[in-house]
């Protein structure tokens, strides 16, 4: 058996975890898989007399997700609901949503003798993920997949979901954390970033807009993914079509416009996230239009009129919030986001703020595009 040593613990813990789940056959290979930074992920190959099957084995990062059982209740509930919805629409739930392998105890996860928490998913064959957009169609397909995800889960009992990371996209809370970092200035950096601090303060009135709509019931709380990057969509190798939404750890109650907005922030920026030449940073209206078409196509009319109206604000607020978080981390000494060079968080912040400023210049065009696309789907 080819068995890769787990960097954070002995091999016997992997073996203990594997033995705790209802898996067919015997292990022939277990090796590290993917490039995720949060959980430890392995590709597990099981051999039986007649075939070979692959699975994804993950050790959950309990520093980030401090309630792993609650996290797994979220994922189990959502994936079971998705399976029923996909079957009802004539789809293939084994390929169109994640499938958890149960533990022998009947639970959907397992805590080993060292206190590590594990889960196993069925491996989805003949499908791939991509870190960058190869062609506009990929961006459209990711948009359609996240929109379809919203559509399928429109009837899910949102109140049953726990917040795996409390206040993750609570922009007013993020703003208060930012203000505290400015006031305390633990690293003496605030004096160097007065322009960036002023940029946030000048947009203070925008910060509570979406959360206020959620809290007063004008906008529905929905099942939201909260990490809507291209690489969290599996594309079918044969057709190039979006197949399955993955990485469900941040499934929480939230605003649909935030899922939409985070994709725009990440995918429709003409510059890099840590771009130092801010002249390269702008909102690609073509990519904005492409994503909006895909998202609304996938939603199939499930969004309210107010949600449609607030899509541009979702994009602006997610970009502002992200820039604010980068700036907060810079002020606090770069303790949260991983950096590879000095000043990277400040560059990330400036890039996000440059994108916000460009959105503001194109605000009327963004709203008109959304309105035109929404009208075409009615």
Protein backbone atom coordinates (compact mmCIF):
# COMPACT_ATOMS: atom_id res chain seq x y z
CA UNK A 1 0.00 0.00 0.00
CA UNK A 2 1.31 3.45 -0.93
CA UNK A 3 0.66 5.58 2.15
CA UNK A 4 1.72 9.20 2.51
CA UNK A 5 2.70 10.43 5.99
CA UNK A 6 0.41 13.10 7.39
CA UNK A 7 2.49 16.18 8.15
CA UNK A 8 0.49 17.11 11.24
CA UNK A 9 0.29 13.69 12.85
CA UNK A 10 1.33 10.06 12.57
CA UNK A 11 0.09 7.71 9.87
CA UNK A 12 -1.79 5.66 12.41
CA UNK A 13 -4.28 8.52 12.83
CA UNK A 14 -5.10 8.41 9.12
CA UNK A 15 -5.44 4.65 9.34
CA UNK A 16 -7.65 4.97 12.42
CA UNK A 17 -9.86 7.46 10.59
CA UNK A 18 -10.17 5.26 7.48
CA UNK A 19 -11.14 2.26 9.56
CA UNK A 20 -13.91 4.29 11.23
CA UNK A 21 -15.86 4.79 7.96
CA UNK A 22 -18.03 2.46 5.88
CA UNK A 23 -15.71 2.04 2.91
CA UNK A 24 -15.58 -0.82 0.38
CA UNK A 25 -12.52 -3.03 -0.06
CA UNK A 26 -9.00 -2.29 1.10
CA UNK A 27 -6.81 0.80 0.88
CA UNK A 28 -4.33 0.71 -1.99
CA UNK A 29 -3.21 4.34 -1.89
CA UNK A 30 -3.56 7.48 0.23
CA UNK A 31 -1.82 10.67 -0.86
CA UNK A 32 -2.16 14.40 -0.38
CA UNK A 33 -4.56 16.05 -2.79
CA UNK A 34 -5.34 19.59 -3.99
CA UNK A 35 -3.96 22.94 -2.89
CA UNK A 36 -6.37 23.97 -0.13
CA UNK A 37 -4.93 25.92 2.81
CA UNK A 38 -7.47 25.17 5.53
CA UNK A 39 -8.09 21.43 5.86
CA UNK A 40 -5.70 18.51 5.28
CA UNK A 41 -6.97 16.72 2.18
CA UNK A 42 -6.09 13.27 0.84
CA UNK A 43 -7.15 11.16 -2.12
CA UNK A 44 -7.97 7.69 -0.90
CA UNK A 45 -8.07 4.73 -3.30
CA UNK A 46 -9.99 1.61 -2.28
CA UNK A 47 -9.72 -1.69 -4.15
CA UNK A 48 -12.39 -4.40 -4.28
CA UNK A 49 -12.47 -7.62 -6.28
CA UNK A 50 -14.29 -5.96 -9.15
CA UNK A 51 -13.25 -2.31 -9.23
CA UNK A 52 -11.34 0.59 -7.78
CA UNK A 53 -12.99 3.61 -6.16
CA UNK A 54 -11.58 6.91 -5.00
CA UNK A 55 -12.65 9.05 -2.06
CA UNK A 56 -11.66 12.39 -0.53
CA UNK A 57 -10.47 12.11 3.07
CA UNK A 58 -10.22 15.37 5.04
CA UNK A 59 -9.05 16.32 8.47
CA UNK A 60 -11.14 19.33 9.53
CA UNK A 61 -9.19 22.36 10.74
CA UNK A 62 -10.70 22.93 14.18
CA UNK A 63 -8.72 26.13 14.71
CA UNK A 64 -10.83 27.70 11.97
CA UNK A 65 -14.00 25.64 12.49
CA UNK A 66 -14.34 25.29 16.22
CA UNK A 67 -17.60 23.31 16.18
CA UNK A 68 -16.88 20.45 13.75
CA UNK A 69 -20.07 18.55 14.62
CA UNK A 70 -22.17 21.65 13.93
CA UNK A 71 -20.25 22.21 10.71
CA UNK A 72 -20.94 18.67 9.59
CA UNK A 73 -24.64 18.93 10.51
CA UNK A 74 -24.81 21.88 8.11
CA UNK A 75 -23.10 19.98 5.31
CA UNK A 76 -25.06 16.77 5.88
CA UNK A 77 -28.40 18.58 5.92
CA UNK A 78 -27.65 20.64 2.83
CA UNK A 79 -26.24 17.78 0.75
CA UNK A 80 -29.16 15.48 1.61
CA UNK A 81 -31.60 18.25 0.64
CA UNK A 82 -29.68 18.82 -2.61
CA UNK A 83 -29.80 15.11 -3.45
CA UNK A 84 -33.59 15.11 -3.19
CA UNK A 85 -33.91 18.26 -5.30
CA UNK A 86 -31.50 16.98 -7.96
CA UNK A 87 -33.31 13.63 -8.17
CA UNK A 88 -36.66 15.41 -8.49
CA UNK A 89 -35.26 17.34 -11.48
CA UNK A 90 -33.94 14.17 -13.12
CA UNK A 91 -30.29 14.87 -12.34
CA UNK A 92 -27.46 12.69 -11.03
CA UNK A 93 -26.90 13.46 -7.33
CA UNK A 94 -23.73 11.33 -7.24
CA UNK A 95 -22.08 13.86 -9.56
CA UNK A 96 -24.05 17.05 -8.95
CA UNK A 97 -23.54 17.34 -5.20
CA UNK A 98 -21.06 16.09 -2.62
CA UNK A 99 -21.77 12.67 -1.10
CA UNK A 100 -20.69 12.05 2.49
CA UNK A 101 -19.59 8.55 3.46
CA UNK A 102 -21.05 7.64 6.86
CA UNK A 103 -18.91 6.49 9.75
CA UNK A 104 -19.57 3.06 11.26
CA UNK A 105 -21.13 4.88 14.21
CA UNK A 106 -23.77 6.31 11.89
CA UNK A 107 -22.39 9.85 12.16
CA UNK A 108 -21.13 11.82 9.17
CA UNK A 109 -17.75 12.52 10.79
CA UNK A 110 -15.30 10.88 13.20
CA UNK A 111 -13.11 12.12 16.04
CA UNK A 112 -9.94 10.04 16.39
CA UNK A 113 -8.05 9.14 19.55
CA UNK A 114 -5.88 12.26 19.23
CA UNK A 115 -8.90 14.57 18.97
CA UNK A 116 -8.69 15.16 15.20
CA UNK A 117 -11.98 15.30 13.26
CA UNK A 118 -12.32 13.54 9.91
CA UNK A 119 -14.83 13.20 7.06
CA UNK A 120 -14.91 11.35 3.75
CA UNK A 121 -16.60 12.30 0.47
CA UNK A 122 -17.13 10.20 -2.63
CA UNK A 123 -14.65 11.32 -5.33
CA UNK A 124 -16.34 12.87 -8.38
CA UNK A 125 -14.55 11.43 -11.40
CA UNK A 126 -14.04 13.08 -14.81
CA UNK A 127 -14.42 16.61 -13.44
CA UNK A 128 -11.91 19.32 -12.59
CA UNK A 129 -11.52 22.61 -10.74
CA UNK A 130 -9.55 25.63 -11.98
CA UNK A 131 -7.89 28.44 -10.04
CA UNK A 132 -8.08 30.95 -12.90
CA UNK A 133 -10.60 31.63 -15.65
CA UNK A 134 -9.37 29.97 -18.85
CA UNK A 135 -12.16 31.47 -20.94
CA UNK A 136 -15.27 33.59 -20.29
CA UNK A 137 -17.43 30.45 -20.52
CA UNK A 138 -15.78 29.15 -17.32
CA UNK A 139 -16.84 32.30 -15.48
CA UNK A 140 -20.36 31.96 -16.86
CA UNK A 141 -20.51 28.32 -15.79
CA UNK A 142 -19.35 29.14 -12.25
CA UNK A 143 -22.00 31.86 -12.05
CA UNK A 144 -24.71 29.53 -13.28
CA UNK A 145 -23.64 26.89 -10.76
CA UNK A 146 -23.80 29.27 -7.80
CA UNK A 147 -27.13 30.62 -9.02
CA UNK A 148 -28.48 27.09 -9.43
CA UNK A 149 -27.20 26.32 -5.93
CA UNK A 150 -29.36 29.20 -4.67
CA UNK A 151 -32.34 27.92 -6.65
CA UNK A 152 -32.08 24.35 -5.38
CA UNK A 153 -31.77 25.48 -1.77
CA UNK A 154 -34.50 28.14 -1.89
CA UNK A 155 -36.78 25.90 0.18
CA UNK A 156 -34.18 24.83 2.73
CA UNK A 157 -35.00 25.64 6.40
CA UNK A 158 -32.29 28.28 6.86
CA UNK A 159 -32.90 28.57 10.62
CA UNK A 160 -31.46 25.07 11.05
CA UNK A 161 -28.02 26.22 9.88
CA UNK A 162 -25.39 27.32 12.38
CA UNK A 163 -22.82 30.02 11.64
CA UNK A 164 -19.58 28.08 11.15
CA UNK A 165 -17.64 31.36 11.38
CA UNK A 166 -19.76 33.89 13.32
CA UNK A 167 -20.21 37.31 11.64
CA UNK A 168 -18.18 36.16 8.62
CA UNK A 169 -19.90 38.62 6.26
CA UNK A 170 -21.36 40.94 8.88
CA UNK A 171 -19.92 44.12 7.37
CA UNK A 172 -20.80 46.41 10.33
CA UNK A 173 -18.96 44.04 12.70
CA UNK A 174 -15.97 44.03 10.35
CA UNK A 175 -16.12 47.83 10.37
CA UNK A 176 -16.04 47.96 14.18
CA UNK A 177 -13.02 45.64 14.20
CA UNK A 178 -11.34 47.95 11.71
CA UNK A 179 -12.05 51.02 13.88
CA UNK A 180 -10.56 49.27 16.91
CA UNK A 181 -7.42 48.41 14.92
CA UNK A 182 -7.08 52.06 13.86
CA UNK A 183 -7.54 53.29 17.43
CA UNK A 184 -5.17 50.79 19.05
CA UNK A 185 -2.63 50.88 16.19
CA UNK A 186 -0.53 48.11 17.81
CA UNK A 187 2.24 48.24 15.17
CA UNK A 188 2.38 52.01 14.68
CA UNK A 189 1.25 51.73 11.05
CA UNK A 190 -1.87 53.91 11.05
CA UNK A 191 0.07 57.07 10.25
CA UNK A 192 1.25 55.56 6.97
CA UNK A 193 -2.23 54.62 5.75
CA UNK A 194 -4.34 57.69 6.45
CA UNK A 195 -5.58 57.80 2.85
CA UNK A 196 -6.82 54.20 3.07
CA UNK A 197 -8.44 54.80 6.46
CA UNK A 198 -10.21 57.86 5.06
CA UNK A 199 -11.43 55.80 2.07
CA UNK A 200 -13.29 53.47 4.44
CA UNK A 201 -14.67 56.24 6.65
CA UNK A 202 -16.06 58.12 3.63
CA UNK A 203 -18.17 55.03 2.80
CA UNK A 204 -19.43 54.37 6.32
CA UNK A 205 -23.06 54.95 5.26
CA UNK A 206 -22.86 52.03 2.78
CA UNK A 207 -21.56 49.52 5.32
CA UNK A 208 -24.83 48.50 7.08
CA UNK A 209 -27.09 48.56 4.00
CA UNK A 210 -27.35 44.81 3.32
CA UNK A 211 -27.31 43.70 6.97
CA UNK A 212 -30.08 46.19 7.75
CA UNK A 213 -32.21 44.70 4.96
CA UNK A 214 -31.63 41.20 6.33
CA UNK A 215 -32.28 42.19 9.93
CA UNK A 216 -35.53 44.02 9.20
CA UNK A 217 -36.82 41.17 7.05
CA UNK A 218 -36.95 43.07 3.77
CA UNK A 219 -34.35 40.74 2.24
CA UNK A 220 -34.59 36.96 2.82
CA UNK A 221 -31.87 35.06 4.64
CA UNK A 222 -30.81 32.27 2.33
CA UNK A 223 -28.42 29.35 2.35
CA UNK A 224 -25.20 31.01 1.23
CA UNK A 225 -21.88 29.46 0.26
CA UNK A 226 -19.66 32.39 1.32
CA UNK A 227 -16.62 31.36 -0.75
CA UNK A 228 -17.85 31.69 -4.32
CA UNK A 229 -14.55 31.44 -6.17
CA UNK A 230 -14.16 29.64 -9.50
CA UNK A 231 -12.13 26.84 -7.89
CA UNK A 232 -15.12 25.83 -5.76
CA UNK A 233 -16.98 24.68 -8.87
CA UNK A 234 -16.28 21.34 -10.54
CA UNK A 235 -16.53 21.49 -14.34
CA UNK A 236 -17.29 18.37 -16.34
CA UNK A 237 -14.16 17.33 -18.28
CA UNK A 238 -16.15 16.24 -21.33
CA UNK A 239 -18.62 19.12 -21.66
CA UNK A 240 -17.00 21.99 -19.74
CA UNK A 241 -20.34 22.54 -18.01
CA UNK A 242 -20.59 23.30 -14.29
CA UNK A 243 -21.27 20.12 -12.41
CA UNK A 244 -21.00 20.50 -8.65
CA UNK A 245 -20.48 23.17 -5.98
CA UNK A 246 -17.82 22.05 -3.49
CA UNK A 247 -16.15 23.28 -0.29
CA UNK A 248 -19.28 23.65 1.82
CA UNK A 249 -17.54 24.50 5.11
CA UNK A 250 -18.79 28.09 5.08
CA UNK A 251 -22.42 27.22 4.31
CA UNK A 252 -24.36 29.62 6.54
CA UNK A 253 -27.47 31.80 6.62
CA UNK A 254 -26.79 35.00 4.69
CA UNK A 255 -27.53 37.27 1.74
CA UNK A 256 -27.59 35.97 -1.82
CA UNK A 257 -26.12 39.28 -2.99
CA UNK A 258 -22.98 38.62 -0.94
CA UNK A 259 -22.33 35.30 -2.73
CA UNK A 260 -22.84 37.09 -6.04
CA UNK A 261 -20.74 40.06 -4.97
CA UNK A 262 -17.75 38.05 -3.80
CA UNK A 263 -17.56 36.34 -7.20
CA UNK A 264 -17.60 39.73 -8.95
CA UNK A 265 -14.91 41.03 -6.59
CA UNK A 266 -12.66 38.09 -7.34
CA UNK A 267 -13.44 37.26 -10.94
CA UNK A 268 -14.29 40.55 -12.69
CA UNK A 269 -11.21 42.45 -11.47
CA UNK A 270 -8.79 43.17 -14.32
CA UNK A 271 -5.88 43.22 -11.85
CA UNK A 272 -4.46 40.77 -9.34
CA UNK A 273 -5.79 40.72 -5.78
CA UNK A 274 -2.44 42.13 -4.56
CA UNK A 275 -1.77 44.27 -7.66
CA UNK A 276 0.81 47.00 -6.97
CA UNK A 277 0.17 48.88 -10.22
CA UNK A 278 -3.32 50.22 -9.49
CA UNK A 279 -3.73 51.43 -13.07
CA UNK A 280 -4.29 47.76 -13.94
CA UNK A 281 -7.21 47.45 -11.49
CA UNK A 282 -10.74 47.97 -12.80
CA UNK A 283 -14.12 46.29 -13.05
CA UNK A 284 -14.47 44.44 -16.35
CA UNK A 285 -18.01 45.27 -17.39
CA UNK A 286 -17.89 42.41 -19.89
CA UNK A 287 -17.06 39.89 -17.15
CA UNK A 288 -19.62 41.58 -14.87
CA UNK A 289 -22.27 41.04 -17.55
CA UNK A 290 -21.13 37.45 -18.16
CA UNK A 291 -21.34 36.53 -14.49
CA UNK A 292 -24.67 38.28 -13.96
CA UNK A 293 -26.21 36.41 -16.91
CA UNK A 294 -24.96 33.08 -15.57
CA UNK A 295 -26.04 33.76 -11.99
CA UNK A 296 -29.56 34.85 -12.91
CA UNK A 297 -29.88 31.99 -15.38
CA UNK A 298 -29.04 29.57 -12.57
CA UNK A 299 -31.36 31.29 -10.07
CA UNK A 300 -34.32 30.72 -12.42
CA UNK A 301 -36.32 33.64 -11.05
CA UNK A 302 -35.90 32.68 -7.38
CA UNK A 303 -34.49 36.08 -6.30
CA UNK A 304 -36.79 38.87 -5.13
CA UNK A 305 -36.95 42.22 -6.90
CA UNK A 306 -35.05 43.83 -4.03
CA UNK A 307 -32.28 41.22 -4.24
CA UNK A 308 -31.94 41.94 -7.96
CA UNK A 309 -31.74 45.67 -7.30
CA UNK A 310 -29.07 45.16 -4.63
CA UNK A 311 -26.73 42.94 -6.69
CA UNK A 312 -24.36 45.84 -7.53
CA UNK A 313 -24.31 46.86 -3.86
CA UNK A 314 -23.41 43.27 -2.97
CA UNK A 315 -20.41 43.50 -5.30
CA UNK A 316 -19.33 46.87 -3.90
CA UNK A 317 -19.76 45.86 -0.24
CA UNK A 318 -17.93 42.55 -0.61
CA UNK A 319 -15.01 44.38 -2.22
CA UNK A 320 -15.02 47.13 0.41
CA UNK A 321 -15.30 44.58 3.22
CA UNK A 322 -12.42 42.53 1.85
CA UNK A 323 -10.22 45.60 1.47
CA UNK A 324 -11.14 46.66 4.99
CA UNK A 325 -10.16 43.23 6.32
CA UNK A 326 -6.79 43.40 4.53
CA UNK A 327 -6.22 46.87 5.99
CA UNK A 328 -7.24 45.70 9.48
CA UNK A 329 -4.79 42.82 9.29
CA UNK A 330 -2.03 45.15 8.10
CA UNK A 331 -2.66 47.46 11.07
CA UNK A 332 -2.64 44.46 13.44
CA UNK A 333 0.67 43.14 12.16
CA UNK A 334 -0.36 40.70 9.41
CA UNK A 335 -1.58 38.03 11.79
CA UNK A 336 -4.56 36.59 9.85
CA UNK A 337 -3.99 36.51 6.09
CA UNK A 338 -0.95 34.60 4.89
CA UNK A 339 1.61 36.94 3.30
CA UNK A 340 4.62 36.17 1.12
CA UNK A 341 6.25 39.59 1.14
CA UNK A 342 6.33 42.74 3.23
CA UNK A 343 3.39 45.06 2.61
CA UNK A 344 1.34 42.46 0.74
CA UNK A 345 -1.78 43.04 2.84
CA UNK A 346 -1.54 46.76 2.19
CA UNK A 347 -1.25 46.10 -1.55
CA UNK A 348 -4.27 43.80 -1.33
CA UNK A 349 -6.20 46.52 0.48
CA UNK A 350 -5.30 49.17 -2.09
CA UNK A 351 -6.26 46.90 -4.97
CA UNK A 352 -9.69 46.27 -3.44
CA UNK A 353 -10.26 49.96 -2.79
CA UNK A 354 -9.24 50.80 -6.36
CA UNK A 355 -11.84 48.30 -7.55
CA UNK A 356 -14.49 49.89 -5.31
CA UNK A 357 -13.64 53.31 -6.75
CA UNK A 358 -13.96 51.98 -10.30
CA UNK A 359 -17.31 50.39 -9.47
CA UNK A 360 -18.53 53.76 -8.25
CA UNK A 361 -17.56 55.30 -11.60
CA UNK A 362 -19.50 52.56 -13.42
CA UNK A 363 -22.39 52.42 -10.94
CA UNK A 364 -25.16 53.43 -13.35
CA UNK A 365 -23.90 50.98 -15.99
CA UNK A 366 -23.82 48.14 -13.46
CA UNK A 367 -27.40 48.80 -12.41
CA UNK A 368 -28.60 49.08 -15.99
CA UNK A 369 -26.90 45.81 -16.96
CA UNK A 370 -28.50 43.97 -14.05
CA UNK A 371 -31.92 45.42 -14.88
CA UNK A 372 -31.62 44.49 -18.57
CA UNK A 373 -30.45 40.94 -17.82
CA UNK A 374 -33.13 40.42 -15.15
CA UNK A 375 -35.80 41.64 -17.58
CA UNK A 376 -34.61 39.14 -20.19
CA UNK A 377 -35.21 36.25 -17.77
CA UNK A 378 -38.78 37.28 -16.93
